[in-house]
Amino acid sequence: MEAKIKKIEFVDGLILTTTTDGHIFFRSLDDFPLLRKATSSQREDYTIGKWSDDVRWESIDEDIYISSLTQQPYLPMS
């Protein structure tokens, strides 16, 4: 089974993506200019897509797919 997006978090200038297989991937918000400029409440107002392979931020008109969120190394789950 292919990993899907389970949760999105924002910490210290990073976007953290937790996947259904238990990995946490991280990317800099600098890689996503619309999210970087968004307020905290706008960032937290997201919807994971029907197939859990994309994230939508309606208020800032931003869509990001799992392939863009999981390009960096992941953090091991403890």
N, C-alpha and C. Protein backbone atom coordinates (compact mmCIF):
# COMPACT_ATOMS: atom_id res chain seq x y z
N MET A 1 0.84 -1.19 0.00
CA MET A 1 0.00 0.00 0.00
C MET A 1 0.88 1.25 0.00
N GLU A 2 0.55 2.18 -0.83
CA GLU A 2 1.29 3.43 -0.94
C GLU A 2 0.93 4.35 0.22
N ALA A 3 1.95 5.02 0.79
CA ALA A 3 1.72 5.94 1.89
C ALA A 3 0.88 7.12 1.43
N LYS A 4 0.04 7.59 2.32
CA LYS A 4 -0.83 8.73 2.06
C LYS A 4 -0.62 9.78 3.15
N ILE A 5 -1.13 10.98 2.93
CA ILE A 5 -1.01 12.05 3.91
C ILE A 5 -1.99 11.80 5.06
N LYS A 6 -1.47 11.87 6.26
CA LYS A 6 -2.30 11.69 7.45
C LYS A 6 -2.51 13.02 8.17
N LYS A 7 -1.44 13.85 8.25
CA LYS A 7 -1.52 15.09 9.01
C LYS A 7 -0.46 16.06 8.51
N ILE A 8 -0.75 17.35 8.62
CA ILE A 8 0.17 18.43 8.28
C ILE A 8 0.37 19.29 9.53
N GLU A 9 1.64 19.67 9.79
CA GLU A 9 1.94 20.56 10.91
C GLU A 9 2.98 21.58 10.45
N PHE A 10 3.04 22.69 11.16
CA PHE A 10 4.00 23.74 10.86
C PHE A 10 4.81 24.02 12.12
N VAL A 11 6.15 23.87 12.02
CA VAL A 11 7.04 24.05 13.17
C VAL A 11 8.32 24.74 12.71
N ASP A 12 8.65 25.85 13.34
CA ASP A 12 9.94 26.54 13.11
C ASP A 12 10.30 26.71 11.64
N GLY A 13 9.37 27.22 10.84
CA GLY A 13 9.65 27.47 9.44
C GLY A 13 9.63 26.24 8.56
N LEU A 14 9.12 25.13 9.09
CA LEU A 14 9.03 23.88 8.33
C LEU A 14 7.58 23.45 8.19
N ILE A 15 7.29 22.72 7.12
CA ILE A 15 6.03 22.02 7.00
C ILE A 15 6.34 20.54 7.21
N LEU A 16 5.68 19.94 8.18
CA LEU A 16 5.88 18.52 8.50
C LEU A 16 4.68 17.75 7.99
N THR A 17 4.94 16.69 7.26
CA THR A 17 3.89 15.85 6.71
C THR A 17 4.01 14.46 7.32
N THR A 18 3.00 14.06 8.08
CA THR A 18 2.95 12.71 8.63
C THR A 18 2.18 11.84 7.65
N THR A 19 2.76 10.69 7.30
CA THR A 19 2.11 9.79 6.35
C THR A 19 1.52 8.59 7.08
N THR A 20 0.65 7.90 6.38
CA THR A 20 -0.05 6.76 6.97
C THR A 20 0.88 5.60 7.31
N ASP A 21 2.10 5.60 6.75
CA ASP A 21 3.05 4.54 7.10
C ASP A 21 3.95 4.94 8.28
N GLY A 22 3.61 6.09 8.92
CA GLY A 22 4.30 6.48 10.14
C GLY A 22 5.53 7.35 9.97
N HIS A 23 5.83 7.81 8.78
CA HIS A 23 6.97 8.68 8.57
C HIS A 23 6.55 10.15 8.67
N ILE A 24 7.50 10.99 9.07
CA ILE A 24 7.29 12.43 9.09
C ILE A 24 8.33 13.06 8.16
N PHE A 25 7.85 13.63 7.08
CA PHE A 25 8.72 14.31 6.12
C PHE A 25 8.71 15.80 6.41
N PHE A 26 9.80 16.48 6.10
CA PHE A 26 9.85 17.91 6.35
C PHE A 26 10.37 18.66 5.14
N ARG A 27 9.82 19.85 4.95
CA ARG A 27 10.25 20.78 3.90
C ARG A 27 10.23 22.17 4.48
N SER A 28 11.07 23.03 3.98
CA SER A 28 11.09 24.42 4.40
C SER A 28 9.88 25.14 3.82
N LEU A 29 9.30 26.04 4.60
CA LEU A 29 8.22 26.86 4.08
C LEU A 29 8.71 27.77 2.95
N ASP A 30 10.01 28.02 2.88
CA ASP A 30 10.56 28.81 1.79
C ASP A 30 10.30 28.14 0.43
N ASP A 31 10.08 26.83 0.44
CA ASP A 31 9.79 26.11 -0.80
C ASP A 31 8.35 26.30 -1.28
N PHE A 32 7.53 26.88 -0.41
CA PHE A 32 6.11 27.09 -0.71
C PHE A 32 5.74 28.54 -0.37
N PRO A 33 6.02 29.47 -1.27
CA PRO A 33 5.85 30.90 -0.99
C PRO A 33 4.46 31.30 -0.48
N LEU A 34 3.40 30.73 -1.03
CA LEU A 34 2.07 31.09 -0.56
C LEU A 34 1.85 30.67 0.89
N LEU A 35 2.34 29.51 1.27
CA LEU A 35 2.22 29.07 2.66
C LEU A 35 3.12 29.90 3.58
N ARG A 36 4.28 30.26 3.10
CA ARG A 36 5.20 31.07 3.91
C ARG A 36 4.57 32.41 4.24
N LYS A 37 3.87 33.02 3.28
CA LYS A 37 3.24 34.32 3.48
C LYS A 37 1.91 34.24 4.23
N ALA A 38 1.34 33.06 4.33
CA ALA A 38 0.03 32.89 4.97
C ALA A 38 0.13 33.08 6.48
N THR A 39 -0.99 33.43 7.07
CA THR A 39 -1.06 33.52 8.53
C THR A 39 -1.10 32.12 9.12
N SER A 40 -0.85 32.01 10.40
CA SER A 40 -0.92 30.71 11.08
C SER A 40 -2.31 30.09 10.93
N SER A 41 -3.34 30.90 11.08
CA SER A 41 -4.69 30.34 10.96
C SER A 41 -4.99 29.88 9.53
N GLN A 42 -4.47 30.59 8.53
CA GLN A 42 -4.64 30.15 7.15
C GLN A 42 -3.92 28.83 6.91
N ARG A 43 -2.72 28.69 7.45
CA ARG A 43 -1.96 27.44 7.29
C ARG A 43 -2.69 26.26 7.92
N GLU A 44 -3.29 26.50 9.06
CA GLU A 44 -3.97 25.41 9.78
C GLU A 44 -5.31 25.04 9.15
N ASP A 45 -5.81 25.86 8.27
CA ASP A 45 -7.11 25.63 7.63
C ASP A 45 -6.92 24.90 6.31
N TYR A 46 -6.58 23.63 6.41
CA TYR A 46 -6.33 22.82 5.21
C TYR A 46 -7.26 21.62 5.18
N THR A 47 -7.37 21.05 3.99
CA THR A 47 -8.16 19.85 3.79
C THR A 47 -7.30 18.84 3.04
N ILE A 48 -7.25 17.62 3.56
CA ILE A 48 -6.56 16.54 2.86
C ILE A 48 -7.53 15.99 1.82
N GLY A 49 -7.03 15.79 0.61
CA GLY A 49 -7.87 15.35 -0.50
C GLY A 49 -8.50 13.97 -0.30
N LYS A 50 -9.46 13.69 -1.13
CA LYS A 50 -10.25 12.45 -1.07
C LYS A 50 -9.38 11.19 -1.05
N TRP A 51 -8.29 11.18 -1.83
CA TRP A 51 -7.41 10.01 -1.90
C TRP A 51 -6.17 10.17 -1.02
N SER A 52 -6.16 11.22 -0.19
CA SER A 52 -5.06 11.48 0.77
C SER A 52 -3.70 11.66 0.09
N ASP A 53 -3.72 12.15 -1.13
CA ASP A 53 -2.45 12.37 -1.83
C ASP A 53 -2.21 13.85 -2.15
N ASP A 54 -3.07 14.72 -1.62
CA ASP A 54 -2.91 16.15 -1.81
C ASP A 54 -3.50 16.90 -0.63
N VAL A 55 -3.10 18.17 -0.52
CA VAL A 55 -3.60 19.04 0.54
C VAL A 55 -4.07 20.33 -0.12
N ARG A 56 -5.20 20.84 0.34
CA ARG A 56 -5.79 22.06 -0.22
C ARG A 56 -5.96 23.12 0.86
N TRP A 57 -5.47 24.34 0.58
CA TRP A 57 -5.68 25.51 1.43
C TRP A 57 -6.58 26.45 0.64
N GLU A 58 -7.85 26.36 0.87
CA GLU A 58 -8.84 27.13 0.11
C GLU A 58 -8.62 28.63 0.23
N SER A 59 -8.35 29.13 1.42
CA SER A 59 -8.28 30.58 1.64
C SER A 59 -7.11 31.25 0.92
N ILE A 60 -6.08 30.48 0.58
CA ILE A 60 -4.95 31.05 -0.15
C ILE A 60 -4.80 30.44 -1.55
N ASP A 61 -5.78 29.63 -1.93
CA ASP A 61 -5.82 28.99 -3.25
C ASP A 61 -4.52 28.23 -3.55
N GLU A 62 -4.16 27.32 -2.64
CA GLU A 62 -2.94 26.52 -2.77
C GLU A 62 -3.26 25.04 -2.70
N ASP A 63 -2.68 24.26 -3.59
CA ASP A 63 -2.77 22.80 -3.61
C ASP A 63 -1.36 22.25 -3.67
N ILE A 64 -1.07 21.27 -2.82
CA ILE A 64 0.24 20.63 -2.84
C ILE A 64 0.03 19.12 -2.80
N TYR A 65 0.75 18.41 -3.66
CA TYR A 65 0.64 16.97 -3.74
C TYR A 65 1.71 16.28 -2.90
N ILE A 66 1.44 15.07 -2.50
CA ILE A 66 2.34 14.32 -1.62
C ILE A 66 3.75 14.24 -2.18
N SER A 67 3.89 14.14 -3.49
CA SER A 67 5.23 14.03 -4.08
C SER A 67 6.08 15.27 -3.78
N SER A 68 5.46 16.43 -3.67
CA SER A 68 6.20 17.65 -3.32
C SER A 68 6.53 17.71 -1.84
N LEU A 69 5.70 17.10 -1.02
CA LEU A 69 5.89 17.15 0.43
C LEU A 69 6.87 16.11 0.94
N THR A 70 7.12 15.08 0.17
CA THR A 70 7.95 13.96 0.65
C THR A 70 9.28 13.87 -0.09
N GLN A 71 9.76 14.96 -0.64
CA GLN A 71 11.04 14.94 -1.36
C GLN A 71 12.23 14.91 -0.42
N GLN A 72 12.09 15.41 0.78
CA GLN A 72 13.18 15.48 1.74
C GLN A 72 13.21 14.21 2.61
N PRO A 73 14.29 14.01 3.34
CA PRO A 73 14.35 12.85 4.26
C PRO A 73 13.24 12.93 5.30
N TYR A 74 12.96 11.82 5.88
CA TYR A 74 11.91 11.78 6.91
C TYR A 74 12.54 11.60 8.28
N LEU A 75 11.80 11.98 9.28
CA LEU A 75 12.21 11.81 10.68
C LEU A 75 11.72 10.46 11.16
N PRO A 76 12.56 9.66 11.80
CA PRO A 76 12.08 8.38 12.32
C PRO A 76 11.08 8.58 13.46
N MET A 77 10.07 7.76 13.48
CA MET A 77 9.08 7.80 14.57
C MET A 77 9.66 7.09 15.77
N SER A 78 9.45 7.66 16.95
CA SER A 78 9.97 7.01 18.16
C SER A 78 8.92 6.18 18.84
